[in-house]
Protein backbone atom coordinates (compact mmCIF):
# COMPACT_ATOMS: atom_id res chain seq x y z
CA UNK A 1 24.05 19.36 77.78
CA UNK A 2 22.60 17.24 74.91
CA UNK A 3 19.84 14.87 75.72
CA UNK A 4 18.33 12.06 73.71
CA UNK A 5 14.84 11.10 74.76
CA UNK A 6 11.31 12.48 74.60
CA UNK A 7 8.53 11.32 76.94
CA UNK A 8 4.86 12.24 76.72
CA UNK A 9 3.03 11.47 80.03
CA UNK A 10 -0.75 11.81 78.99
CA UNK A 11 -3.58 12.36 81.31
CA UNK A 12 -6.05 9.48 81.17
CA UNK A 13 -9.23 10.32 83.10
CA UNK A 14 -10.87 7.67 85.21
CA UNK A 15 -8.03 5.23 84.87
CA UNK A 16 -6.49 3.85 88.04
CA UNK A 17 -2.78 4.20 88.65
CA UNK A 18 -2.10 0.47 88.54
CA UNK A 19 -2.36 -0.89 84.94
CA UNK A 20 -2.52 -4.60 85.42
CA UNK A 21 -5.83 -5.08 83.70
CA UNK A 22 -4.24 -6.70 80.67
CA UNK A 23 -1.81 -8.95 82.19
CA UNK A 24 -3.78 -12.14 81.99
CA UNK A 25 -4.65 -11.76 78.28
CA UNK A 26 -1.02 -11.09 77.31
CA UNK A 27 0.15 -14.22 79.02
CA UNK A 28 -2.39 -16.20 77.04
CA UNK A 29 -1.25 -14.71 73.81
CA UNK A 30 2.32 -15.88 74.44
CA UNK A 31 1.54 -19.54 74.85
CA UNK A 32 3.91 -21.66 72.73
CA UNK A 33 1.78 -22.99 69.88
CA UNK A 34 1.18 -26.66 69.33
CA UNK A 35 2.93 -26.85 66.01
CA UNK A 36 0.66 -24.87 63.77
CA UNK A 37 2.91 -21.96 63.40
CA UNK A 38 2.68 -22.21 59.57
CA UNK A 39 -1.12 -21.33 60.01
CA UNK A 40 -1.83 -24.51 57.96
CA UNK A 41 -1.67 -28.12 58.85
CA UNK A 42 1.60 -30.06 58.20
CA UNK A 43 0.88 -32.63 55.66
CA UNK A 44 1.56 -35.82 57.53
CA UNK A 45 2.97 -39.09 56.43
CA UNK A 46 1.91 -42.82 56.91
CA UNK A 47 3.81 -45.22 58.94
CA UNK A 48 2.46 -48.34 60.64
CA UNK A 49 -0.89 -46.56 61.05
CA UNK A 50 0.53 -45.01 64.21
CA UNK A 51 2.87 -42.23 63.55
CA UNK A 52 2.34 -39.48 61.03
CA UNK A 53 -0.83 -40.91 59.61
CA UNK A 54 -1.93 -39.29 56.40
CA UNK A 55 -5.62 -39.99 56.46
CA UNK A 56 -8.47 -40.40 58.96
CA UNK A 57 -9.49 -43.82 57.46
CA UNK A 58 -8.92 -46.57 60.01
CA UNK A 59 -8.12 -44.12 62.76
CA UNK A 60 -10.66 -45.64 65.07
CA UNK A 61 -9.48 -49.08 64.21
CA UNK A 62 -6.04 -48.26 65.06
CA UNK A 63 -6.92 -46.32 68.33
CA UNK A 64 -6.20 -49.30 70.61
CA UNK A 65 -2.70 -49.63 69.05
CA UNK A 66 -2.05 -46.01 69.49
CA UNK A 67 -3.10 -46.10 73.13
CA UNK A 68 -0.98 -49.15 73.81
CA UNK A 69 2.05 -47.74 72.14
CA UNK A 70 1.57 -44.28 73.99
CA UNK A 71 1.29 -46.23 77.24
CA UNK A 72 4.55 -48.16 76.52
CA UNK A 73 6.22 -44.87 75.65
CA UNK A 74 4.82 -43.16 78.71
CA UNK A 75 6.13 -46.04 80.91
CA UNK A 76 9.48 -45.75 79.29
CA UNK A 77 9.61 -42.06 80.01
CA UNK A 78 8.51 -42.57 83.54
CA UNK A 79 11.11 -45.23 83.98
CA UNK A 80 13.84 -42.90 82.59
CA UNK A 81 12.77 -40.07 84.94
CA UNK A 82 12.78 -42.48 87.98
CA UNK A 83 16.19 -43.83 86.96
CA UNK A 84 17.61 -40.28 86.50
CA UNK A 85 16.59 -39.47 90.04
CA UNK A 86 18.58 -42.36 91.43
CA UNK A 87 21.69 -41.48 89.37
CA UNK A 88 24.37 -40.55 91.86
CA UNK A 89 25.43 -36.97 91.86
CA UNK A 90 28.45 -35.58 93.64
CA UNK A 91 27.69 -33.97 97.04
CA UNK A 92 29.27 -30.81 95.65
CA UNK A 93 26.61 -29.10 93.50
CA UNK A 94 29.21 -27.20 91.45
CA UNK A 95 30.65 -30.63 90.39
CA UNK A 96 27.42 -31.38 88.50
CA UNK A 97 28.61 -32.13 84.98
CA UNK A 98 26.85 -33.29 81.94
CA UNK A 99 27.57 -36.84 80.99
CA UNK A 100 28.78 -36.95 77.32
CA UNK A 101 25.91 -38.26 75.16
CA UNK A 102 26.73 -41.01 72.76
CA UNK A 103 24.35 -41.47 69.82
CA UNK A 104 23.39 -45.05 69.41
CA UNK A 105 24.15 -46.93 66.15
CA UNK A 106 25.91 -43.95 64.58
CA UNK A 107 28.21 -46.13 62.63
CA UNK A 108 25.19 -48.06 61.23
CA UNK A 109 23.43 -44.76 60.35
CA UNK A 110 26.36 -43.33 58.46
CA UNK A 111 26.73 -46.61 56.66
CA UNK A 112 23.08 -46.46 55.70
CA UNK A 113 23.67 -42.88 54.44
CA UNK A 114 26.64 -43.94 52.41
CA UNK A 115 24.54 -46.66 50.67
CA UNK A 116 21.57 -44.45 50.29
CA UNK A 117 23.42 -41.38 48.95
CA UNK A 118 22.83 -37.68 49.76
CA UNK A 119 20.18 -37.09 52.33
CA UNK A 120 17.49 -34.86 50.65
CA UNK A 121 17.28 -32.41 53.59
CA UNK A 122 19.98 -32.02 56.19
CA UNK A 123 19.49 -29.62 59.17
CA UNK A 124 22.53 -28.66 61.28
CA UNK A 125 21.23 -27.80 64.71
CA UNK A 126 18.29 -29.06 66.79
CA UNK A 127 16.68 -25.79 67.96
CA UNK A 128 13.61 -23.82 67.10
CA UNK A 129 14.90 -22.58 63.73
CA UNK A 130 15.77 -26.22 62.70
CA UNK A 131 12.49 -27.78 63.82
CA UNK A 132 10.29 -25.04 62.23
CA UNK A 133 12.27 -25.53 59.05
CA UNK A 134 11.40 -29.17 59.15
CA UNK A 135 7.76 -28.44 59.59
CA UNK A 136 7.85 -26.10 56.64
CA UNK A 137 9.58 -28.55 54.42
CA UNK A 138 7.01 -31.23 55.17
CA UNK A 139 4.26 -28.81 54.40
CA UNK A 140 5.73 -28.15 50.89
CA UNK A 141 7.20 -31.55 50.34
CA UNK A 142 4.98 -34.09 52.30
CA UNK A 143 7.23 -37.18 51.61
CA UNK A 144 10.49 -35.22 52.46
CA UNK A 145 13.29 -37.31 54.16
CA UNK A 146 14.82 -35.00 56.85
CA UNK A 147 17.90 -35.60 59.07
CA UNK A 148 18.72 -33.29 61.90
CA UNK A 149 22.34 -33.22 63.43
CA UNK A 150 22.43 -31.53 66.90
CA UNK A 151 25.32 -31.30 69.44
CA UNK A 152 23.12 -31.59 72.44
CA UNK A 153 21.73 -34.71 74.02
CA UNK A 154 18.19 -33.53 73.64
CA UNK A 155 15.51 -33.64 70.88
CA UNK A 156 14.41 -30.11 69.63
CA UNK A 157 13.14 -27.93 72.38
CA UNK A 158 12.22 -24.27 73.17
CA UNK A 159 14.66 -22.13 74.94
CA UNK A 160 12.59 -19.09 76.22
CA UNK A 161 10.93 -20.88 79.10
CA UNK A 162 14.41 -21.73 80.47
CA UNK A 163 14.68 -18.15 81.71
CA UNK A 164 11.00 -17.48 82.29
CA UNK A 165 8.23 -19.98 83.08
CA UNK A 166 10.35 -22.82 84.61
CA UNK A 167 11.45 -20.52 87.42
CA UNK A 168 7.91 -19.36 88.28
CA UNK A 169 6.45 -22.81 88.32
CA UNK A 170 5.40 -24.01 91.66
CA UNK A 171 6.10 -27.57 90.90
CA UNK A 172 9.45 -28.85 92.41
CA UNK A 173 10.10 -31.48 89.72
CA UNK A 174 10.36 -29.25 86.64
CA UNK A 175 14.09 -30.21 86.09
CA UNK A 176 13.06 -33.79 86.02
CA UNK A 177 9.88 -33.67 83.90
CA UNK A 178 11.12 -30.77 81.74
CA UNK A 179 7.54 -29.52 81.54
CA UNK A 180 6.30 -26.21 82.94
CA UNK A 181 2.97 -24.54 83.78
CA UNK A 182 1.81 -22.07 81.16
CA UNK A 183 0.23 -18.81 82.10
CA UNK A 184 -3.23 -20.31 81.57
CA UNK A 185 -2.59 -23.09 84.10
CA UNK A 186 -2.01 -25.85 81.47
CA UNK A 187 1.15 -27.93 81.60
CA UNK A 188 3.54 -27.88 78.47
CA UNK A 189 6.66 -29.83 77.66
CA UNK A 190 9.83 -27.94 76.73
CA UNK A 191 10.15 -30.40 73.80
CA UNK A 192 8.38 -29.59 70.50
CA UNK A 193 7.36 -33.30 70.13
CA UNK A 194 7.68 -36.52 72.26
CA UNK A 195 10.27 -39.09 71.33
CA UNK A 196 7.65 -41.17 69.56
CA UNK A 197 7.34 -38.47 66.90
CA UNK A 198 10.73 -39.11 65.61
CA UNK A 199 11.92 -41.92 63.46
CA UNK A 200 15.24 -43.88 63.26
CA UNK A 201 17.29 -42.96 60.23
CA UNK A 202 16.68 -46.38 58.77
CA UNK A 203 12.86 -45.91 58.98
CA UNK A 204 13.28 -42.45 57.29
CA UNK A 205 15.29 -43.80 54.49
CA UNK A 206 13.01 -46.95 53.96
CA UNK A 207 9.75 -45.19 54.26
CA UNK A 208 8.42 -43.87 50.95
CA UNK A 209 6.62 -41.09 52.91
CA UNK A 210 9.78 -39.96 54.55
CA UNK A 211 9.90 -38.45 58.08
CA UNK A 212 12.37 -36.94 60.42
CA UNK A 213 15.42 -38.49 62.29
CA UNK A 214 17.77 -36.82 64.71
CA UNK A 215 21.48 -37.63 65.33
CA UNK A 216 22.24 -36.14 68.82
CA UNK A 217 25.42 -35.34 70.47
CA UNK A 218 27.45 -34.78 67.29
CA UNK A 219 29.06 -31.45 66.26
CA UNK A 220 29.37 -30.29 62.66
CA UNK A 221 32.99 -29.04 62.15
CA UNK A 222 32.91 -28.15 58.37
CA UNK A 223 30.52 -27.76 55.55
CA UNK A 224 31.68 -28.14 51.85
CA UNK A 225 29.21 -26.09 49.90
CA UNK A 226 30.66 -27.20 46.55
CA UNK A 227 30.77 -30.92 47.22
CA UNK A 228 27.59 -30.65 49.39
CA UNK A 229 29.12 -32.58 52.20
CA UNK A 230 29.11 -32.02 55.92
CA UNK A 231 31.89 -33.16 58.25
CA UNK A 232 31.37 -34.24 61.88
CA UNK A 233 33.75 -33.81 64.69
CA UNK A 234 35.39 -37.29 64.35
CA UNK A 235 35.70 -37.08 60.56
CA UNK A 236 32.39 -38.63 59.62
CA UNK A 237 30.86 -37.36 56.40
CA UNK A 238 27.13 -36.81 55.42
CA UNK A 239 26.25 -35.79 51.89
CA UNK A 240 23.20 -33.65 51.25
CA UNK A 241 20.99 -32.22 48.46
CA UNK A 242 19.74 -29.27 50.62
CA UNK A 243 21.25 -28.16 53.90
CA UNK A 244 20.22 -25.64 56.62
CA UNK A 245 22.67 -24.20 59.10
CA UNK A 246 20.73 -23.40 62.31
CA UNK A 247 23.63 -23.45 64.86
CA UNK A 248 22.20 -20.70 66.98
CA UNK A 249 24.30 -18.54 69.23
CA UNK A 250 26.76 -19.31 72.10
CA UNK A 251 27.11 -17.43 75.42
CA UNK A 252 29.76 -14.79 75.74
CA UNK A 253 32.18 -14.80 78.61
CA UNK A 254 34.40 -12.11 80.16
CA UNK A 255 38.05 -12.59 80.76
CA UNK A 256 37.91 -12.48 84.47
CA UNK A 257 35.83 -15.65 84.37
CA UNK A 258 37.39 -17.19 81.25
CA UNK A 259 40.82 -17.06 82.83
CA UNK A 260 39.74 -18.17 86.21
CA UNK A 261 41.21 -21.17 88.11
CA UNK A 262 39.53 -24.52 87.41
CA UNK A 263 38.26 -24.64 91.07
CA UNK A 264 36.59 -21.35 90.63
CA UNK A 265 35.02 -22.22 87.16
CA UNK A 266 33.16 -25.01 88.97
CA UNK A 267 31.12 -22.29 90.57
CA UNK A 268 30.33 -20.58 87.31
CA UNK A 269 27.51 -21.17 84.73
CA UNK A 270 27.12 -19.72 81.30
CA UNK A 271 23.38 -20.18 81.07
CA UNK A 272 21.98 -21.40 77.66
CA UNK A 273 20.83 -24.98 77.48
CA UNK A 274 18.49 -27.52 79.32
CA UNK A 275 21.55 -28.86 81.01
CA UNK A 276 22.47 -25.51 82.30
CA UNK A 277 18.95 -25.13 83.73
CA UNK A 278 19.07 -28.60 85.34
CA UNK A 279 22.44 -27.78 86.90
CA UNK A 280 21.31 -24.33 88.11
CA UNK A 281 18.08 -25.76 89.55
CA UNK A 282 19.97 -28.22 91.51
CA UNK A 283 22.44 -25.69 92.88
CA UNK A 284 19.63 -23.24 93.82
CA UNK A 285 17.95 -25.70 96.05
CA UNK A 286 20.99 -25.71 98.45
CA UNK A 287 22.96 -22.47 98.08
CA UNK A 288 22.63 -19.39 100.02
CA UNK A 289 23.69 -16.70 97.54
CA UNK A 290 23.84 -16.43 93.79
CA UNK A 291 25.34 -13.60 91.72
CA UNK A 292 24.10 -13.01 88.27
CA UNK A 293 26.47 -11.07 86.06
CA UNK A 294 24.74 -9.18 83.24
CA UNK A 295 21.78 -6.80 83.05
CA UNK A 296 20.26 -7.72 79.62
CA UNK A 297 17.14 -9.89 78.99
CA UNK A 298 18.52 -13.28 80.14
CA UNK A 299 20.19 -11.88 83.22
CA UNK A 300 17.22 -9.82 84.34
CA UNK A 301 14.72 -12.62 83.69
CA UNK A 302 16.89 -15.02 85.63
CA UNK A 303 17.40 -12.65 88.52
CA UNK A 304 13.68 -11.98 88.70
CA UNK A 305 12.77 -15.74 88.39
CA UNK A 306 15.29 -16.97 90.99
CA UNK A 307 14.29 -14.31 93.50
CA UNK A 308 10.64 -15.11 93.05
CA UNK A 309 11.19 -18.91 93.36
CA UNK A 310 13.29 -18.44 96.44
CA UNK A 311 16.53 -20.29 96.46
CA UNK A 312 16.00 -20.90 100.20
CA UNK A 313 14.50 -19.01 103.09
CA UNK A 314 17.80 -17.10 103.75
CA UNK A 315 19.10 -16.93 100.23
CA UNK A 316 19.99 -13.78 98.31
CA UNK A 317 20.09 -13.08 94.58
CA UNK A 318 22.31 -10.38 93.41
CA UNK A 319 22.60 -8.96 89.95
CA UNK A 320 25.66 -6.79 88.85
CA UNK A 321 26.12 -5.06 85.43
CA UNK A 322 28.00 -2.05 84.03
CA UNK A 323 24.98 -0.15 82.70
CA UNK A 324 22.89 2.37 84.81
CA UNK A 325 19.89 0.11 84.98
CA UNK A 326 18.38 -3.25 83.87
CA UNK A 327 18.32 -3.76 80.06
CA UNK A 328 20.33 -0.55 79.71
CA UNK A 329 21.40 -1.34 76.20
CA UNK A 330 17.68 -1.61 75.16
CA UNK A 331 15.75 0.79 77.27
CA UNK A 332 16.32 4.60 77.70
CA UNK A 333 18.04 5.39 80.87
CA UNK A 334 15.13 6.67 82.85
CA UNK A 335 13.05 3.51 82.04
CA UNK A 336 16.03 1.24 82.75
CA UNK A 337 16.53 2.71 86.24
CA UNK A 338 12.70 2.41 86.85
CA UNK A 339 12.86 -1.27 85.78
CA UNK A 340 15.75 -1.81 88.27
CA UNK A 341 13.56 -0.49 91.07
CA UNK A 342 10.86 -2.96 90.21
CA UNK A 343 13.34 -5.82 90.30
CA UNK A 344 14.52 -4.67 93.69
CA UNK A 345 10.88 -5.00 94.85
CA UNK A 346 10.97 -8.54 93.59
CA UNK A 347 13.83 -9.34 96.06
CA UNK A 348 16.80 -8.82 93.65
CA UNK A 349 19.68 -6.94 95.03
CA UNK A 350 20.69 -4.82 91.97
CA UNK A 351 24.18 -3.30 91.70
CA UNK A 352 24.46 -1.21 88.59
CA UNK A 353 27.49 0.64 87.15
CA UNK A 354 30.03 -2.05 88.27
CA UNK A 355 32.36 -4.43 86.68
CA UNK A 356 34.04 -7.59 87.96
CA UNK A 357 37.73 -6.87 88.51
CA UNK A 358 38.88 -10.08 90.21
CA UNK A 359 37.90 -13.44 91.77
CA UNK A 360 39.19 -15.47 94.60
CA UNK A 361 38.03 -18.65 96.40
CA UNK A 362 37.10 -18.20 100.07
CA UNK A 363 36.26 -21.67 101.49
CA UNK A 364 33.32 -22.91 99.55
CA UNK A 365 32.38 -19.47 98.25
CA UNK A 366 33.64 -17.18 95.53
CA UNK A 367 34.54 -13.63 96.39
CA UNK A 368 34.07 -11.11 93.56
CA UNK A 369 36.06 -7.79 93.64
CA UNK A 370 33.93 -5.07 92.01
CA UNK A 371 35.08 -1.96 90.33
CA UNK A 372 33.54 0.23 93.06
CA UNK A 373 35.94 -1.34 95.62
CA UNK A 374 33.17 -3.52 97.12
CA UNK A 375 33.34 -7.36 97.35
CA UNK A 376 30.60 -9.90 97.05
CA UNK A 377 30.55 -13.47 98.15
CA UNK A 378 28.50 -16.12 96.23
CA UNK A 379 28.01 -19.77 96.23
CA UNK A 380 27.54 -19.70 92.54
CA UNK A 381 27.84 -17.26 89.73
CA UNK A 382 25.65 -17.13 86.49
CA UNK A 383 27.18 -15.26 83.57
CA UNK A 384 24.57 -13.77 81.21
CA UNK A 385 26.48 -11.05 79.16
CA UNK A 386 24.98 -11.83 75.76
CA UNK A 387 25.91 -14.13 73.03
CA UNK A 388 27.65 -14.47 69.70
CA UNK A 389 26.42 -16.20 66.55
CA UNK A 390 27.82 -19.77 66.46
CA UNK A 391 29.86 -19.53 63.32
CA UNK A 392 32.76 -21.78 64.42
CA UNK A 393 33.03 -23.63 61.05
CA UNK A 394 32.61 -20.53 58.87
CA UNK A 395 36.32 -20.04 58.00
CA UNK A 396 37.18 -23.64 57.25
CA UNK A 397 33.96 -23.85 55.16
CA UNK A 398 34.67 -20.73 53.15
CA UNK A 399 31.35 -19.11 54.31
CA UNK A 400 31.13 -15.25 54.86
CA UNK A 401 30.52 -13.75 58.31
CA UNK A 402 29.28 -10.29 58.64
CA UNK A 403 32.04 -8.22 60.29
CA UNK A 404 29.73 -5.88 62.04
CA UNK A 405 26.82 -8.06 63.17
CA UNK A 406 28.33 -11.49 63.16
CA UNK A 407 26.44 -14.45 61.71
CA UNK A 408 26.54 -16.20 58.27
CA UNK A 409 25.71 -13.65 55.62
CA UNK A 410 22.57 -14.64 53.69
CA UNK A 411 20.32 -12.96 51.09
CA UNK A 412 16.71 -12.12 51.76
CA UNK A 413 15.71 -15.83 50.89
CA UNK A 414 18.07 -16.89 53.74
CA UNK A 415 20.35 -18.53 51.30
CA UNK A 416 24.23 -18.46 51.89
CA UNK A 417 25.35 -20.51 48.85
CA UNK A 418 23.70 -22.76 46.44
CA UNK A 419 21.46 -25.29 48.27
CA UNK A 420 22.71 -23.93 51.61
CA UNK A 421 20.53 -21.87 53.80
CA UNK A 422 20.88 -20.29 57.32
CA UNK A 423 18.24 -19.46 59.87
CA UNK A 424 17.86 -18.22 63.49
CA UNK A 425 20.50 -16.57 65.56
CA UNK A 426 23.39 -17.70 63.27
CA UNK A 427 22.03 -15.78 60.22
CA UNK A 428 22.75 -12.25 59.23
CA UNK A 429 20.01 -11.32 56.84
CA UNK A 430 18.95 -8.35 54.75
CA UNK A 431 15.89 -6.66 56.09
CA UNK A 432 14.09 -4.75 53.25
CA UNK A 433 13.01 -2.13 55.75
CA UNK A 434 15.79 -1.88 58.31
CA UNK A 435 18.92 -3.09 56.39
CA UNK A 436 21.24 -5.93 57.27
CA UNK A 437 20.45 -7.36 60.73
CA UNK A 438 21.15 -10.33 63.05
CA UNK A 439 18.44 -11.15 65.54
CA UNK A 440 18.67 -13.38 68.60
CA UNK A 441 15.05 -14.08 69.59
CA UNK A 442 12.56 -16.98 69.51
CA UNK A 443 10.08 -15.55 67.10
CA UNK A 444 12.89 -14.78 64.48
CA UNK A 445 14.12 -18.37 64.90
CA UNK A 446 10.56 -19.66 64.16
CA UNK A 447 9.93 -17.26 61.21
CA UNK A 448 13.39 -17.54 59.51
CA UNK A 449 13.39 -21.25 60.04
CA UNK A 450 10.02 -21.58 58.39
CA UNK A 451 10.97 -19.38 55.47
CA UNK A 452 14.29 -21.27 54.94
CA UNK A 453 12.47 -24.59 55.04
CA UNK A 454 9.93 -23.42 52.42
CA UNK A 455 12.64 -22.15 50.19
CA UNK A 456 14.53 -25.37 50.58
CA UNK A 457 11.53 -27.28 49.37
CA UNK A 458 11.25 -25.23 46.18
CA UNK A 459 9.91 -21.76 47.09
CA UNK A 460 11.73 -18.51 46.65
CA UNK A 461 10.11 -16.20 49.26
CA UNK A 462 11.97 -13.13 50.62
CA UNK A 463 12.23 -12.43 54.42
CA UNK A 464 9.70 -9.56 54.97
CA UNK A 465 8.34 -10.44 58.42
CA UNK A 466 9.29 -8.27 61.29
CA UNK A 467 9.86 -10.65 64.28
CA UNK A 468 9.11 -9.60 67.76
CA UNK A 469 10.38 -10.53 71.20
CA UNK A 470 9.01 -10.30 74.73
CA UNK A 471 10.18 -10.21 78.30
CA UNK A 472 8.42 -10.41 81.65
CA UNK A 473 10.07 -9.21 84.91
CA UNK A 474 7.73 -9.96 87.66
CA UNK A 475 4.04 -8.91 87.97
CA UNK A 476 4.61 -5.14 87.15
CA UNK A 477 6.65 -5.44 83.92
CA UNK A 478 5.87 -7.22 80.73
CA UNK A 479 6.79 -5.85 77.38
CA UNK A 480 6.84 -6.80 73.70
CA UNK A 481 9.21 -5.23 71.13
CA UNK A 482 9.80 -5.10 67.50
CA UNK A 483 12.42 -3.71 65.00
CA UNK A 484 15.62 -2.09 66.22
CA UNK A 485 15.37 -1.28 69.87
CA UNK A 486 18.79 0.21 70.95
CA UNK A 487 19.12 2.71 73.78
CA UNK A 488 21.86 4.53 71.74
CA UNK A 489 19.07 5.70 69.41
CA UNK A 490 16.72 8.75 70.27
CA UNK A 491 13.36 7.61 71.57
CA UNK A 492 9.93 9.07 72.02
CA UNK A 493 7.92 7.60 74.83
CA UNK A 494 4.25 8.10 75.41
CA UNK A 495 3.02 6.92 78.81
CA UNK A 496 -0.24 7.11 80.64
CA UNK A 497 -0.42 9.30 83.78
CA UNK A 498 -3.58 9.24 85.87
CA UNK A 499 -3.92 12.81 87.22
CA UNK A 500 -2.15 15.24 84.98
CA UNK A 501 -0.93 15.89 81.50
CA UNK A 502 2.81 16.20 81.14
CA UNK A 503 5.18 16.06 78.20
CA UNK A 504 8.83 15.32 79.01
CA UNK A 505 11.30 15.95 76.33
CA UNK A 506 14.93 14.87 76.39
CA UNK A 507 15.96 14.61 72.68
CA UNK A 508 19.27 14.73 70.91
CA UNK A 509 19.06 18.45 70.41
CA UNK A 510 19.89 21.66 72.25
CA UNK A 511 17.45 23.11 74.63
CA UNK A 512 16.62 25.80 72.04
CA UNK A 513 16.02 23.28 69.39
CA UNK A 514 13.84 21.30 71.76
CA UNK A 515 11.66 24.29 72.62
CA UNK A 516 11.22 25.33 69.00
CA UNK A 517 10.28 21.80 68.00
CA UNK A 518 7.87 21.42 70.91
CA UNK A 519 5.84 24.45 69.95
CA UNK A 520 4.93 23.04 66.68
CA UNK A 521 4.25 19.45 67.85
CA UNK A 522 2.84 19.64 71.37
CA UNK A 523 -0.46 20.78 72.67
CA UNK A 524 -0.57 24.17 74.27
CA UNK A 525 -1.58 22.88 77.66
CA UNK A 526 1.41 20.50 77.82
CA UNK A 527 4.16 21.02 80.29
CA UNK A 528 7.75 20.31 79.16
CA UNK A 529 10.10 18.73 81.53
CA UNK A 530 12.79 16.09 81.74
CA UNK A 531 11.83 12.41 82.73
CA UNK A 532 12.05 11.82 86.52
CA UNK A 533 13.13 8.52 88.03
CA UNK A 534 10.22 8.86 90.48
CA UNK A 535 7.72 8.78 87.69
CA UNK A 536 5.49 5.59 87.34
CA UNK A 537 6.01 4.20 83.83
CA UNK A 538 3.25 1.72 84.18
CA UNK A 539 1.93 1.67 80.72
CA UNK A 540 3.17 3.11 77.42
CA UNK A 541 4.75 2.93 74.11
CA UNK A 542 8.42 3.65 73.13
CA UNK A 543 9.39 4.68 69.62
CA UNK A 544 13.00 4.36 68.46
CA UNK A 545 14.11 6.82 65.88
CA UNK A 546 16.77 6.65 63.21
CA UNK A 547 17.00 9.43 60.52
CA UNK A 548 13.59 10.72 61.62
CA UNK A 549 11.98 7.28 60.85
CA UNK A 550 10.56 4.96 63.47
CA UNK A 551 12.67 1.79 63.41
CA UNK A 552 11.73 0.11 66.70
CA UNK A 553 8.79 0.01 69.09
CA UNK A 554 8.55 -1.26 72.74
CA UNK A 555 5.07 -1.95 74.06
CA UNK A 556 5.39 -1.40 77.75
CA UNK A 557 2.63 -3.29 79.60
CA UNK A 558 0.56 -2.90 76.45
CA UNK A 559 -0.59 -6.23 74.96
CA UNK A 560 -2.33 -7.43 71.81
CA UNK A 561 -1.18 -4.53 69.71
CA UNK A 562 1.90 -6.08 68.02
CA UNK A 563 0.27 -6.22 64.46
CA UNK A 564 -0.12 -2.34 64.66
CA UNK A 565 3.54 -2.05 65.76
CA UNK A 566 4.62 -4.30 62.92
CA UNK A 567 2.71 -2.19 60.43
CA UNK A 568 4.30 1.00 61.60
CA UNK A 569 7.78 -0.48 61.17
CA UNK A 570 6.93 -1.89 57.70
CA UNK A 571 5.59 1.38 56.55
CA UNK A 572 8.60 3.36 57.88
CA UNK A 573 6.51 5.88 59.59
CA UNK A 574 8.03 9.32 60.31
CA UNK A 575 8.61 10.51 63.99
CA UNK A 576 6.39 13.52 63.14
CA UNK A 577 3.46 11.11 63.24
CA UNK A 578 4.14 9.80 66.67
CA UNK A 579 1.20 11.54 68.39
CA UNK A 580 -1.39 10.09 65.91
CA UNK A 581 0.28 6.68 65.87
CA UNK A 582 0.25 6.38 69.61
CA UNK A 583 -3.54 6.67 69.51
CA UNK A 584 -3.73 3.31 67.71
CA UNK A 585 -2.36 1.55 70.71
CA UNK A 586 -5.27 2.70 72.89
CA UNK A 587 -3.20 3.33 75.96
CA UNK A 588 -6.32 4.39 77.88
CA UNK A 589 -8.07 1.05 77.27
CA UNK A 590 -8.81 -1.04 80.31
CA UNK A 591 -9.70 -4.12 78.41
């Protein structure tokens, strides 16, 4: 029988079995930055001495004006929140639907653009990649005029907290305020900037120092790279000089849900946006049972968050997926199964190795028929089975989509065509170390958006940064990862063990090959055995191997060591160096 994974469980003297000593520091390190991701200040602009001021001169003089306007803005926001609470919603939670957003003065804005000519910078999409591109553009070109077109009703916001912090927040009004408590106890808005930060399009075009305007609730359906024109969903046109596609990704669905009756679909959410969060939050406060379909990052984080938050005193959260354990497509099987046990401890009923074979409506509940002949009843179903790059207008625009990875094909400068760049989830870029890739994580959106923005403003920098991602599943599991982390690859895991030194090998070789290799690599006092599901994988490092080279690393309850992991990937270290490399992560450290 061929095996694929190697595990070193090393004896660490005088270290307790529970490794929670670093939990607080890693939470701090993951605070979402207050707009200095470029590691340099964005060169601001001047407008009415209030927004985007360029100098400090007169700042004290204008302070009363700033305070007054802030107070008015705060009152407006407060009124909006109060009004939203009074907006009637159907008694049936599953009938909660998003009211179509209509951008005010769209015709006037388009007329202004027609008179003005091509907008200098046009950003398609209003997410993290787009907003960080804007900030980079303004750093290089301080008077840039930037227009963002997004299909949601909201200004640019962060998505990661939607499956993490918002569900652990003890406040009951998170869905109304759209702010959450960070791990350090401070409150933070989901939005990158308040409404007062943004201009109207007329202000941007008239202001010699430029600025940023956002057209919300409009979908781009075509890009003409030759004529440098973008077409909106009702035939409207916008000309541009430089354009960024940052359309992100869209949730996948599975046929059994996709083809379900409309009455059943009302009980199903494909989780992605703020509106999805608001809907699910409302549903959770009244329902008795939720089933989450999908065992990846999103599904596992939501399951953990919902179970911890407590839908109600008698509620249940069930998670079903076809893999043998949580995040089975990322983690080796032994660790995936161990993670499932931890989620079960958090109150999640985990049902692995099953698929949904059928659906039926039973009163106000949905009955799911599973492939193991069991049935589940749920008030609501959340589908979290991955996502695809949003390349809906690729074909009509004549833009290339990677057949293997998906996403718009770009070069190392994130450019798809002349004066047309792509960033974030929608981009399929060439990694100088790991080859062509598409990445769906927040850090990549930030970094690729920043790079694309700098290049749009005149630079020609290649993509060299190895982006990372992170996940937290309750108090016992927090990990950070970088590179290619795929459970189909052989892995070498080094974990701390308090009382004995054990080395567990399960590689993609025969037993004879394993024994021969181990003699040359392992210490003589090591004991060779296969991983056991009963082991406690509390703290360690996973190395993912391709062609004898380390191509991915997972830091399992190890925090503050991502720069080291990034260096290992960038230097294409050999798997033969794993034992020495592992020492760099100081697994024995209690600080």
